[in-house]
Amino acid sequence: MTSDEQAAKSPALFSDVAPSKRSRFVRSLPKPHEVLIGAPGWALAMAISACLALWLRGNGAALHLRDVLLLYALGGLFAWPLSLFAARFAAQEREVETRFSAFLLCLIAGTVATTACLFTFDYRIFYAQWHAATGTRTWLFQFLFTFLAALYQFLVLGVRLYLPFGLVAVVAASLWLAQSDMRQRR
């Protein structure tokens, strides 16, 4: 296929730019179907991971089980497109082992970071009622230390809910993504 034929098949937005000259940024963006199918799937996997971890620890009948599962599902939902983009950007046109490592690292870091941010927002909303007036120096310190305490609490208590099922899910997803990216590049 000639470069003219490739340019004719590319989207209208990039018709004047040859596919080989697209920026690394644009080539790293996940496709819409990957987000529409993958993000809910990843959200479901992370919610199942949290549910199974609670069940294995004997906390299956937790008081706020629905809230916990929603938190982990939303964390997975928002982390999926960000993690895909970051991994593809980091390992573009690399060997399959490098892509696997990039997907593994980005899915773990992205999912934990996104869920931790959602947890800290919820934590902050709850404790805001006892904080000083917004914009004051006292409020700034209260905001900062509430955020840091919530982050610490999530990292100590919340990350455990990704094990053991979340580890299996992230390895399987990383293998699948690394292989599918290799087929797309051929």
N, C-alpha and C. Protein backbone atom coordinates (compact mmCIF):
# COMPACT_ATOMS: atom_id res chain seq x y z
N MET A 1 0.85 -1.18 0.00
CA MET A 1 0.00 0.00 0.00
C MET A 1 0.89 1.24 0.00
N THR A 2 0.62 2.15 -0.88
CA THR A 2 1.43 3.37 -0.97
C THR A 2 1.02 4.35 0.10
N SER A 3 1.84 5.35 0.30
CA SER A 3 1.53 6.35 1.32
C SER A 3 0.29 7.16 0.94
N ASP A 4 0.02 7.32 -0.37
CA ASP A 4 -1.19 8.03 -0.79
C ASP A 4 -2.44 7.24 -0.43
N GLU A 5 -2.37 5.90 -0.60
CA GLU A 5 -3.51 5.05 -0.24
C GLU A 5 -3.73 5.07 1.27
N GLN A 6 -2.63 5.07 2.03
CA GLN A 6 -2.74 5.13 3.49
C GLN A 6 -3.35 6.46 3.93
N ALA A 7 -2.94 7.54 3.30
CA ALA A 7 -3.46 8.86 3.65
C ALA A 7 -4.95 8.95 3.32
N ALA A 8 -5.38 8.28 2.23
CA ALA A 8 -6.77 8.30 1.85
C ALA A 8 -7.63 7.55 2.87
N LYS A 9 -7.07 6.51 3.50
CA LYS A 9 -7.82 5.72 4.48
C LYS A 9 -7.77 6.33 5.88
N SER A 10 -6.90 7.27 6.13
CA SER A 10 -6.80 7.86 7.47
C SER A 10 -7.96 8.83 7.69
N PRO A 11 -8.28 9.12 8.95
CA PRO A 11 -9.38 10.04 9.24
C PRO A 11 -9.15 11.41 8.61
N ALA A 12 -10.24 12.12 8.35
CA ALA A 12 -10.17 13.42 7.69
C ALA A 12 -9.32 14.41 8.48
N LEU A 13 -9.30 14.25 9.78
CA LEU A 13 -8.54 15.17 10.62
C LEU A 13 -7.05 15.10 10.29
N PHE A 14 -6.57 13.93 9.89
CA PHE A 14 -5.15 13.75 9.63
C PHE A 14 -4.86 13.45 8.16
N SER A 15 -5.77 13.80 7.28
CA SER A 15 -5.60 13.43 5.88
C SER A 15 -4.39 14.09 5.23
N ASP A 16 -4.00 15.25 5.69
CA ASP A 16 -2.87 15.93 5.10
C ASP A 16 -1.53 15.51 5.72
N VAL A 17 -1.59 14.67 6.74
CA VAL A 17 -0.38 14.23 7.41
C VAL A 17 -0.25 12.72 7.20
N ALA A 18 0.89 12.28 6.74
CA ALA A 18 1.13 10.86 6.55
C ALA A 18 1.10 10.15 7.90
N PRO A 19 0.58 8.92 7.94
CA PRO A 19 0.49 8.21 9.22
C PRO A 19 1.82 8.06 9.94
N SER A 20 2.92 7.93 9.20
CA SER A 20 4.22 7.76 9.85
C SER A 20 4.71 9.03 10.52
N LYS A 21 4.10 10.17 10.15
CA LYS A 21 4.55 11.44 10.70
C LYS A 21 3.64 11.97 11.80
N ARG A 22 2.62 11.18 12.16
CA ARG A 22 1.76 11.62 13.25
C ARG A 22 2.59 11.69 14.53
N SER A 23 2.21 12.55 15.37
CA SER A 23 2.97 12.70 16.60
C SER A 23 2.80 11.48 17.50
N ARG A 24 3.74 11.28 18.34
CA ARG A 24 3.72 10.17 19.29
C ARG A 24 2.50 10.27 20.20
N PHE A 25 2.14 11.49 20.52
CA PHE A 25 0.99 11.74 21.38
C PHE A 25 -0.30 11.21 20.75
N VAL A 26 -0.54 11.56 19.52
CA VAL A 26 -1.77 11.17 18.84
C VAL A 26 -1.83 9.66 18.66
N ARG A 27 -0.69 9.04 18.32
CA ARG A 27 -0.67 7.59 18.13
C ARG A 27 -0.88 6.84 19.44
N SER A 28 -0.68 7.49 20.57
CA SER A 28 -0.84 6.84 21.87
C SER A 28 -2.27 6.89 22.38
N LEU A 29 -3.10 7.72 21.79
CA LEU A 29 -4.49 7.84 22.27
C LEU A 29 -5.24 6.52 22.06
N PRO A 30 -5.97 6.08 23.09
CA PRO A 30 -6.76 4.86 22.92
C PRO A 30 -7.91 5.09 21.95
N LYS A 31 -8.27 4.04 21.23
CA LYS A 31 -9.37 4.12 20.29
C LYS A 31 -10.69 4.13 21.06
N PRO A 32 -11.74 4.73 20.49
CA PRO A 32 -13.03 4.80 21.21
C PRO A 32 -13.57 3.45 21.65
N HIS A 33 -13.45 2.43 20.79
CA HIS A 33 -13.98 1.12 21.18
C HIS A 33 -13.18 0.51 22.33
N GLU A 34 -11.89 0.83 22.43
CA GLU A 34 -11.09 0.34 23.55
C GLU A 34 -11.54 0.96 24.86
N VAL A 35 -11.94 2.21 24.80
CA VAL A 35 -12.41 2.89 26.01
C VAL A 35 -13.82 2.44 26.35
N LEU A 36 -14.69 2.35 25.36
CA LEU A 36 -16.09 1.99 25.60
C LEU A 36 -16.25 0.55 26.08
N ILE A 37 -15.38 -0.33 25.67
CA ILE A 37 -15.46 -1.73 26.10
C ILE A 37 -14.50 -1.99 27.26
N GLY A 38 -13.29 -1.49 27.15
CA GLY A 38 -12.27 -1.79 28.15
C GLY A 38 -12.49 -1.12 29.49
N ALA A 39 -12.92 0.12 29.51
CA ALA A 39 -13.09 0.84 30.78
C ALA A 39 -14.17 0.20 31.67
N PRO A 40 -15.35 -0.11 31.14
CA PRO A 40 -16.32 -0.80 32.01
C PRO A 40 -15.84 -2.19 32.43
N GLY A 41 -15.14 -2.87 31.55
CA GLY A 41 -14.60 -4.19 31.91
C GLY A 41 -13.58 -4.09 33.03
N TRP A 42 -12.71 -3.09 32.93
CA TRP A 42 -11.70 -2.88 33.98
C TRP A 42 -12.36 -2.44 35.28
N ALA A 43 -13.39 -1.62 35.18
CA ALA A 43 -14.13 -1.20 36.38
C ALA A 43 -14.76 -2.40 37.06
N LEU A 44 -15.36 -3.28 36.28
CA LEU A 44 -15.97 -4.48 36.83
C LEU A 44 -14.92 -5.38 37.47
N ALA A 45 -13.78 -5.53 36.82
CA ALA A 45 -12.70 -6.36 37.38
C ALA A 45 -12.20 -5.81 38.71
N MET A 46 -12.07 -4.49 38.81
CA MET A 46 -11.59 -3.90 40.06
C MET A 46 -12.64 -4.00 41.18
N ALA A 47 -13.91 -3.87 40.83
CA ALA A 47 -14.97 -4.04 41.83
C ALA A 47 -15.03 -5.49 42.30
N ILE A 48 -14.89 -6.43 41.39
CA ILE A 48 -14.87 -7.85 41.75
C ILE A 48 -13.66 -8.14 42.62
N SER A 49 -12.54 -7.54 42.29
CA SER A 49 -11.32 -7.73 43.09
C SER A 49 -11.54 -7.27 44.52
N ALA A 50 -12.13 -6.11 44.69
CA ALA A 50 -12.40 -5.60 46.04
C ALA A 50 -13.40 -6.48 46.78
N CYS A 51 -14.43 -6.92 46.07
CA CYS A 51 -15.45 -7.77 46.69
C CYS A 51 -14.86 -9.11 47.14
N LEU A 52 -14.06 -9.73 46.27
CA LEU A 52 -13.44 -11.01 46.62
C LEU A 52 -12.44 -10.86 47.76
N ALA A 53 -11.69 -9.78 47.76
CA ALA A 53 -10.72 -9.55 48.84
C ALA A 53 -11.44 -9.36 50.17
N LEU A 54 -12.54 -8.62 50.17
CA LEU A 54 -13.32 -8.46 51.39
C LEU A 54 -13.91 -9.79 51.84
N TRP A 55 -14.39 -10.57 50.89
CA TRP A 55 -14.98 -11.86 51.22
C TRP A 55 -13.94 -12.81 51.78
N LEU A 56 -12.73 -12.84 51.17
CA LEU A 56 -11.65 -13.71 51.65
C LEU A 56 -11.19 -13.32 53.06
N ARG A 57 -11.30 -12.06 53.39
CA ARG A 57 -10.89 -11.58 54.71
C ARG A 57 -12.04 -11.66 55.73
N GLY A 58 -13.18 -12.13 55.29
CA GLY A 58 -14.31 -12.25 56.19
C GLY A 58 -15.08 -10.97 56.39
N ASN A 59 -14.87 -9.99 55.52
CA ASN A 59 -15.56 -8.70 55.62
C ASN A 59 -16.60 -8.54 54.50
N GLY A 60 -17.09 -9.65 53.98
CA GLY A 60 -18.03 -9.59 52.86
C GLY A 60 -19.31 -8.86 53.18
N ALA A 61 -19.70 -8.85 54.44
CA ALA A 61 -20.92 -8.15 54.85
C ALA A 61 -20.58 -6.80 55.45
N ALA A 62 -19.61 -6.14 54.87
CA ALA A 62 -19.18 -4.83 55.37
C ALA A 62 -20.33 -3.84 55.32
N LEU A 63 -20.31 -2.91 56.24
CA LEU A 63 -21.39 -1.93 56.37
C LEU A 63 -21.55 -1.09 55.11
N HIS A 64 -20.47 -0.71 54.49
CA HIS A 64 -20.51 0.17 53.32
C HIS A 64 -20.00 -0.56 52.08
N LEU A 65 -20.38 -1.79 51.91
CA LEU A 65 -19.90 -2.61 50.79
C LEU A 65 -20.21 -1.96 49.44
N ARG A 66 -21.41 -1.45 49.28
CA ARG A 66 -21.79 -0.83 48.01
C ARG A 66 -20.91 0.38 47.70
N ASP A 67 -20.61 1.19 48.71
CA ASP A 67 -19.77 2.37 48.52
C ASP A 67 -18.33 1.97 48.16
N VAL A 68 -17.84 0.94 48.82
CA VAL A 68 -16.48 0.46 48.54
C VAL A 68 -16.39 -0.06 47.11
N LEU A 69 -17.37 -0.86 46.70
CA LEU A 69 -17.36 -1.41 45.35
C LEU A 69 -17.51 -0.30 44.30
N LEU A 70 -18.32 0.69 44.59
CA LEU A 70 -18.46 1.82 43.68
C LEU A 70 -17.16 2.61 43.55
N LEU A 71 -16.48 2.81 44.67
CA LEU A 71 -15.19 3.52 44.65
C LEU A 71 -14.17 2.79 43.78
N TYR A 72 -14.06 1.48 43.95
CA TYR A 72 -13.10 0.71 43.17
C TYR A 72 -13.51 0.62 41.70
N ALA A 73 -14.80 0.52 41.44
CA ALA A 73 -15.27 0.50 40.05
C ALA A 73 -14.99 1.82 39.35
N LEU A 74 -15.28 2.93 40.02
CA LEU A 74 -15.01 4.24 39.41
C LEU A 74 -13.51 4.46 39.22
N GLY A 75 -12.72 4.01 40.18
CA GLY A 75 -11.27 4.11 40.02
C GLY A 75 -10.79 3.37 38.79
N GLY A 76 -11.30 2.16 38.58
CA GLY A 76 -10.94 1.39 37.40
C GLY A 76 -11.44 2.01 36.11
N LEU A 77 -12.66 2.55 36.17
CA LEU A 77 -13.26 3.17 34.98
C LEU A 77 -12.45 4.38 34.51
N PHE A 78 -12.05 5.24 35.44
CA PHE A 78 -11.28 6.43 35.07
C PHE A 78 -9.82 6.12 34.77
N ALA A 79 -9.29 5.07 35.38
CA ALA A 79 -7.88 4.74 35.19
C ALA A 79 -7.59 4.09 33.84
N TRP A 80 -8.54 3.36 33.29
CA TRP A 80 -8.30 2.60 32.06
C TRP A 80 -7.79 3.46 30.90
N PRO A 81 -8.51 4.52 30.48
CA PRO A 81 -8.00 5.28 29.33
C PRO A 81 -6.69 6.00 29.64
N LEU A 82 -6.53 6.49 30.86
CA LEU A 82 -5.29 7.17 31.23
C LEU A 82 -4.11 6.20 31.20
N SER A 83 -4.32 5.01 31.72
CA SER A 83 -3.26 4.01 31.77
C SER A 83 -2.89 3.52 30.37
N LEU A 84 -3.90 3.31 29.52
CA LEU A 84 -3.63 2.88 28.14
C LEU A 84 -2.78 3.92 27.42
N PHE A 85 -3.18 5.18 27.56
CA PHE A 85 -2.43 6.25 26.91
C PHE A 85 -0.99 6.29 27.42
N ALA A 86 -0.82 6.26 28.74
CA ALA A 86 0.53 6.36 29.32
C ALA A 86 1.41 5.19 28.89
N ALA A 87 0.86 3.99 28.89
CA ALA A 87 1.66 2.81 28.51
C ALA A 87 2.04 2.86 27.04
N ARG A 88 1.11 3.23 26.19
CA ARG A 88 1.42 3.29 24.76
C ARG A 88 2.41 4.40 24.46
N PHE A 89 2.28 5.50 25.17
CA PHE A 89 3.23 6.60 24.98
C PHE A 89 4.63 6.18 25.41
N ALA A 90 4.73 5.45 26.51
CA ALA A 90 6.03 5.05 27.04
C ALA A 90 6.69 3.96 26.20
N ALA A 91 5.91 3.05 25.65
CA ALA A 91 6.49 1.88 24.99
C ALA A 91 6.15 1.79 23.51
N GLN A 92 5.94 2.91 22.89
CA GLN A 92 5.56 2.91 21.49
C GLN A 92 6.68 2.34 20.62
N GLU A 93 6.28 1.43 19.72
CA GLU A 93 7.20 0.79 18.78
C GLU A 93 8.34 0.04 19.47
N ARG A 94 8.06 -0.54 20.61
CA ARG A 94 9.04 -1.34 21.35
C ARG A 94 8.68 -2.81 21.25
N GLU A 95 9.56 -3.64 21.79
CA GLU A 95 9.33 -5.08 21.81
C GLU A 95 8.15 -5.42 22.70
N VAL A 96 7.61 -6.62 22.53
CA VAL A 96 6.42 -7.04 23.28
C VAL A 96 6.70 -7.08 24.79
N GLU A 97 7.90 -7.43 25.20
CA GLU A 97 8.22 -7.48 26.63
C GLU A 97 8.18 -6.08 27.24
N THR A 98 8.66 -5.11 26.51
CA THR A 98 8.65 -3.73 26.99
C THR A 98 7.22 -3.21 27.07
N ARG A 99 6.41 -3.53 26.07
CA ARG A 99 5.01 -3.11 26.11
C ARG A 99 4.27 -3.77 27.26
N PHE A 100 4.54 -5.05 27.51
CA PHE A 100 3.92 -5.74 28.65
C PHE A 100 4.28 -5.04 29.95
N SER A 101 5.56 -4.72 30.11
CA SER A 101 6.00 -4.04 31.33
C SER A 101 5.35 -2.67 31.47
N ALA A 102 5.25 -1.95 30.37
CA ALA A 102 4.64 -0.62 30.41
C ALA A 102 3.16 -0.71 30.77
N PHE A 103 2.44 -1.66 30.16
CA PHE A 103 1.02 -1.82 30.49
C PHE A 103 0.85 -2.26 31.95
N LEU A 104 1.69 -3.16 32.41
CA LEU A 104 1.61 -3.63 33.79
C LEU A 104 1.83 -2.47 34.76
N LEU A 105 2.91 -1.73 34.56
CA LEU A 105 3.23 -0.62 35.45
C LEU A 105 2.16 0.47 35.39
N CYS A 106 1.73 0.84 34.20
CA CYS A 106 0.76 1.93 34.07
C CYS A 106 -0.63 1.54 34.57
N LEU A 107 -1.03 0.29 34.35
CA LEU A 107 -2.33 -0.14 34.88
C LEU A 107 -2.32 -0.18 36.40
N ILE A 108 -1.25 -0.68 36.99
CA ILE A 108 -1.16 -0.72 38.45
C ILE A 108 -1.13 0.69 39.01
N ALA A 109 -0.19 1.49 38.54
CA ALA A 109 -0.03 2.86 39.07
C ALA A 109 -1.27 3.71 38.79
N GLY A 110 -1.81 3.62 37.58
CA GLY A 110 -2.97 4.42 37.22
C GLY A 110 -4.21 4.05 38.02
N THR A 111 -4.43 2.76 38.20
CA THR A 111 -5.62 2.32 38.93
C THR A 111 -5.52 2.69 40.40
N VAL A 112 -4.37 2.43 41.00
CA VAL A 112 -4.19 2.78 42.41
C VAL A 112 -4.28 4.29 42.60
N ALA A 113 -3.62 5.06 41.75
CA ALA A 113 -3.62 6.52 41.90
C ALA A 113 -5.01 7.11 41.69
N THR A 114 -5.73 6.64 40.70
CA THR A 114 -7.06 7.17 40.44
C THR A 114 -8.02 6.83 41.57
N THR A 115 -7.98 5.59 42.04
CA THR A 115 -8.85 5.20 43.15
C THR A 115 -8.47 5.95 44.42
N ALA A 116 -7.17 6.14 44.65
CA ALA A 116 -6.73 6.89 45.82
C ALA A 116 -7.21 8.34 45.75
N CYS A 117 -7.18 8.95 44.58
CA CYS A 117 -7.67 10.33 44.44
C CYS A 117 -9.16 10.40 44.73
N LEU A 118 -9.93 9.45 44.22
CA LEU A 118 -11.36 9.44 44.51
C LEU A 118 -11.61 9.25 46.00
N PHE A 119 -10.82 8.40 46.64
CA PHE A 119 -10.95 8.18 48.07
C PHE A 119 -10.62 9.46 48.84
N THR A 120 -9.57 10.16 48.43
CA THR A 120 -9.20 11.39 49.13
C THR A 120 -10.25 12.48 48.96
N PHE A 121 -10.88 12.55 47.79
CA PHE A 121 -11.96 13.52 47.60
C PHE A 121 -13.13 13.22 48.54
N ASP A 122 -13.50 11.95 48.63
CA ASP A 122 -14.58 11.56 49.52
C ASP A 122 -14.22 11.84 50.98
N TYR A 123 -13.01 11.53 51.35
CA TYR A 123 -12.50 11.77 52.70
C TYR A 123 -12.53 13.27 53.01
N ARG A 124 -12.10 14.06 52.06
CA ARG A 124 -12.06 15.52 52.22
C ARG A 124 -13.47 16.09 52.38
N ILE A 125 -14.40 15.59 51.59
CA ILE A 125 -15.78 16.08 51.67
C ILE A 125 -16.36 15.81 53.06
N PHE A 126 -16.07 14.63 53.61
CA PHE A 126 -16.59 14.30 54.93
C PHE A 126 -16.01 15.22 56.01
N TYR A 127 -14.69 15.45 55.98
CA TYR A 127 -14.04 16.24 57.03
C TYR A 127 -14.12 17.75 56.80
N ALA A 128 -14.61 18.19 55.66
CA ALA A 128 -14.70 19.62 55.37
C ALA A 128 -15.62 20.36 56.33
N GLN A 129 -16.56 19.67 56.89
CA GLN A 129 -17.50 20.33 57.80
C GLN A 129 -16.83 20.85 59.07
N TRP A 130 -15.68 20.31 59.41
CA TRP A 130 -14.97 20.75 60.61
C TRP A 130 -13.78 21.66 60.29
N HIS A 131 -13.58 21.98 59.02
CA HIS A 131 -12.45 22.80 58.63
C HIS A 131 -12.78 24.29 58.71
N ALA A 132 -11.73 25.08 58.73
CA ALA A 132 -11.87 26.54 58.79
C ALA A 132 -12.45 27.07 57.48
N ALA A 133 -12.69 28.35 57.43
CA ALA A 133 -13.25 28.98 56.23
C ALA A 133 -12.31 28.81 55.04
N THR A 134 -12.89 28.58 53.89
CA THR A 134 -12.12 28.32 52.67
C THR A 134 -11.22 29.50 52.33
N GLY A 135 -10.00 29.18 51.97
CA GLY A 135 -9.04 30.19 51.54
C GLY A 135 -8.12 30.71 52.63
N THR A 136 -8.37 30.38 53.86
CA THR A 136 -7.50 30.85 54.94
C THR A 136 -6.28 29.94 55.05
N ARG A 137 -5.30 30.43 55.76
CA ARG A 137 -4.08 29.65 55.95
C ARG A 137 -4.38 28.36 56.73
N THR A 138 -5.23 28.47 57.74
CA THR A 138 -5.62 27.28 58.52
C THR A 138 -6.32 26.26 57.63
N TRP A 139 -7.22 26.74 56.78
CA TRP A 139 -7.92 25.85 55.86
C TRP A 139 -6.93 25.14 54.93
N LEU A 140 -5.93 25.88 54.44
CA LEU A 140 -4.94 25.29 53.55
C LEU A 140 -4.19 24.15 54.24
N PHE A 141 -3.76 24.37 55.48
CA PHE A 141 -3.09 23.30 56.23
C PHE A 141 -4.04 22.13 56.48
N GLN A 142 -5.27 22.43 56.84
CA GLN A 142 -6.24 21.36 57.07
C GLN A 142 -6.51 20.57 55.80
N PHE A 143 -6.63 21.27 54.70
CA PHE A 143 -6.85 20.61 53.41
C PHE A 143 -5.67 19.71 53.07
N LEU A 144 -4.46 20.23 53.19
CA LEU A 144 -3.25 19.47 52.85
C LEU A 144 -3.11 18.23 53.72
N PHE A 145 -3.27 18.39 55.02
CA PHE A 145 -3.08 17.26 55.91
C PHE A 145 -4.23 16.25 55.83
N THR A 146 -5.42 16.71 55.54
CA THR A 146 -6.53 15.78 55.31
C THR A 146 -6.27 14.95 54.06
N PHE A 147 -5.80 15.61 53.02
CA PHE A 147 -5.47 14.92 51.77
C PHE A 147 -4.37 13.89 52.01
N LEU A 148 -3.30 14.29 52.70
CA LEU A 148 -2.19 13.36 52.95
C LEU A 148 -2.61 12.20 53.85
N ALA A 149 -3.43 12.46 54.85
CA ALA A 149 -3.91 11.39 55.73
C ALA A 149 -4.78 10.40 54.96
N ALA A 150 -5.63 10.91 54.09
CA ALA A 150 -6.49 10.03 53.28
C ALA A 150 -5.65 9.19 52.32
N LEU A 151 -4.66 9.81 51.72
CA LEU A 151 -3.78 9.08 50.81
C LEU A 151 -3.03 7.98 51.54
N TYR A 152 -2.49 8.30 52.70
CA TYR A 152 -1.80 7.30 53.50
C TYR A 152 -2.75 6.16 53.90
N GLN A 153 -3.95 6.52 54.34
CA GLN A 153 -4.91 5.51 54.76
C GLN A 153 -5.28 4.59 53.60
N PHE A 154 -5.45 5.16 52.41
CA PHE A 154 -5.78 4.32 51.26
C PHE A 154 -4.62 3.39 50.91
N LEU A 155 -3.41 3.93 50.91
CA LEU A 155 -2.26 3.10 50.55
C LEU A 155 -2.04 1.97 51.54
N VAL A 156 -2.33 2.20 52.81
CA VAL A 156 -2.14 1.16 53.82
C VAL A 156 -3.29 0.16 53.81
N LEU A 157 -4.53 0.65 53.74
CA LEU A 157 -5.68 -0.23 53.86
C LEU A 157 -6.34 -0.59 52.53
N GLY A 158 -6.35 0.32 51.59
CA GLY A 158 -7.10 0.12 50.36
C GLY A 158 -6.41 -0.70 49.30
N VAL A 159 -5.11 -0.64 49.22
CA VAL A 159 -4.38 -1.37 48.18
C VAL A 159 -4.54 -2.87 48.37
N ARG A 160 -4.73 -3.32 49.60
CA ARG A 160 -4.89 -4.75 49.86
C ARG A 160 -6.11 -5.33 49.16
N LEU A 161 -7.09 -4.51 48.85
CA LEU A 161 -8.29 -5.01 48.20
C LEU A 161 -8.07 -5.34 46.72
N TYR A 162 -6.92 -5.01 46.19
CA TYR A 162 -6.59 -5.40 44.82
C TYR A 162 -6.00 -6.80 44.76
N LEU A 163 -5.69 -7.37 45.90
CA LEU A 163 -5.05 -8.68 45.93
C LEU A 163 -6.03 -9.73 46.40
N PRO A 164 -6.04 -10.91 45.90
CA PRO A 164 -5.20 -11.50 44.87
C PRO A 164 -5.76 -11.35 43.45
N PHE A 165 -7.08 -11.14 43.32
CA PHE A 165 -7.70 -11.14 42.00
C PHE A 165 -7.22 -9.99 41.12
N GLY A 166 -7.03 -8.82 41.68
CA GLY A 166 -6.58 -7.67 40.90
C GLY A 166 -5.23 -7.90 40.25
N LEU A 167 -4.36 -8.63 40.94
CA LEU A 167 -3.05 -8.96 40.37
C LEU A 167 -3.20 -9.84 39.14
N VAL A 168 -4.08 -10.84 39.24
CA VAL A 168 -4.34 -11.72 38.09
C VAL A 168 -4.93 -10.91 36.93
N ALA A 169 -5.87 -10.02 37.24
CA ALA A 169 -6.51 -9.22 36.21
C ALA A 169 -5.52 -8.29 35.51
N VAL A 170 -4.63 -7.67 36.27
CA VAL A 170 -3.68 -6.73 35.65
C VAL A 170 -2.65 -7.47 34.79
N VAL A 171 -2.23 -8.65 35.21
CA VAL A 171 -1.29 -9.43 34.38
C VAL A 171 -1.98 -9.89 33.10
N ALA A 172 -3.21 -10.38 33.21
CA ALA A 172 -3.94 -10.83 32.02
C ALA A 172 -4.21 -9.66 31.07
N ALA A 173 -4.64 -8.54 31.60
CA ALA A 173 -4.91 -7.36 30.75
C ALA A 173 -3.63 -6.86 30.09
N SER A 174 -2.52 -6.86 30.82
CA SER A 174 -1.25 -6.39 30.25
C SER A 174 -0.77 -7.31 29.14
N LEU A 175 -0.90 -8.61 29.35
CA LEU A 175 -0.52 -9.56 28.29
C LEU A 175 -1.37 -9.36 27.05
N TRP A 176 -2.66 -9.24 27.25
CA TRP A 176 -3.57 -9.07 26.12
C TRP A 176 -3.29 -7.76 25.38
N LEU A 177 -3.09 -6.68 26.12
CA LEU A 177 -2.82 -5.38 25.49
C LEU A 177 -1.49 -5.37 24.76
N ALA A 178 -0.47 -5.97 25.34
CA ALA A 178 0.84 -6.01 24.68
C ALA A 178 0.77 -6.81 23.39
N GLN A 179 0.05 -7.93 23.41
CA GLN A 179 -0.09 -8.73 22.19
C GLN A 179 -0.95 -8.03 21.15
N SER A 180 -2.04 -7.40 21.57
CA SER A 180 -2.91 -6.73 20.60
C SER A 180 -2.22 -5.53 19.98
N ASP A 181 -1.40 -4.83 20.75
CA ASP A 181 -0.64 -3.71 20.18
C ASP A 181 0.37 -4.19 19.17
N MET A 182 0.96 -5.36 19.41
CA MET A 182 1.93 -5.91 18.47
C MET A 182 1.23 -6.25 17.15
N ARG A 183 0.02 -6.83 17.19
CA ARG A 183 -0.71 -7.16 15.98
C ARG A 183 -1.13 -5.91 15.22
N GLN A 184 -1.46 -4.84 15.95
CA GLN A 184 -1.90 -3.61 15.29
C GLN A 184 -0.74 -2.93 14.57
N ARG A 185 0.46 -3.12 15.04
CA ARG A 185 1.63 -2.44 14.45
C ARG A 185 2.11 -3.14 13.18
N ARG A 186 1.71 -4.40 12.97
CA ARG A 186 2.19 -5.16 11.79
C ARG A 186 1.58 -4.65 10.52
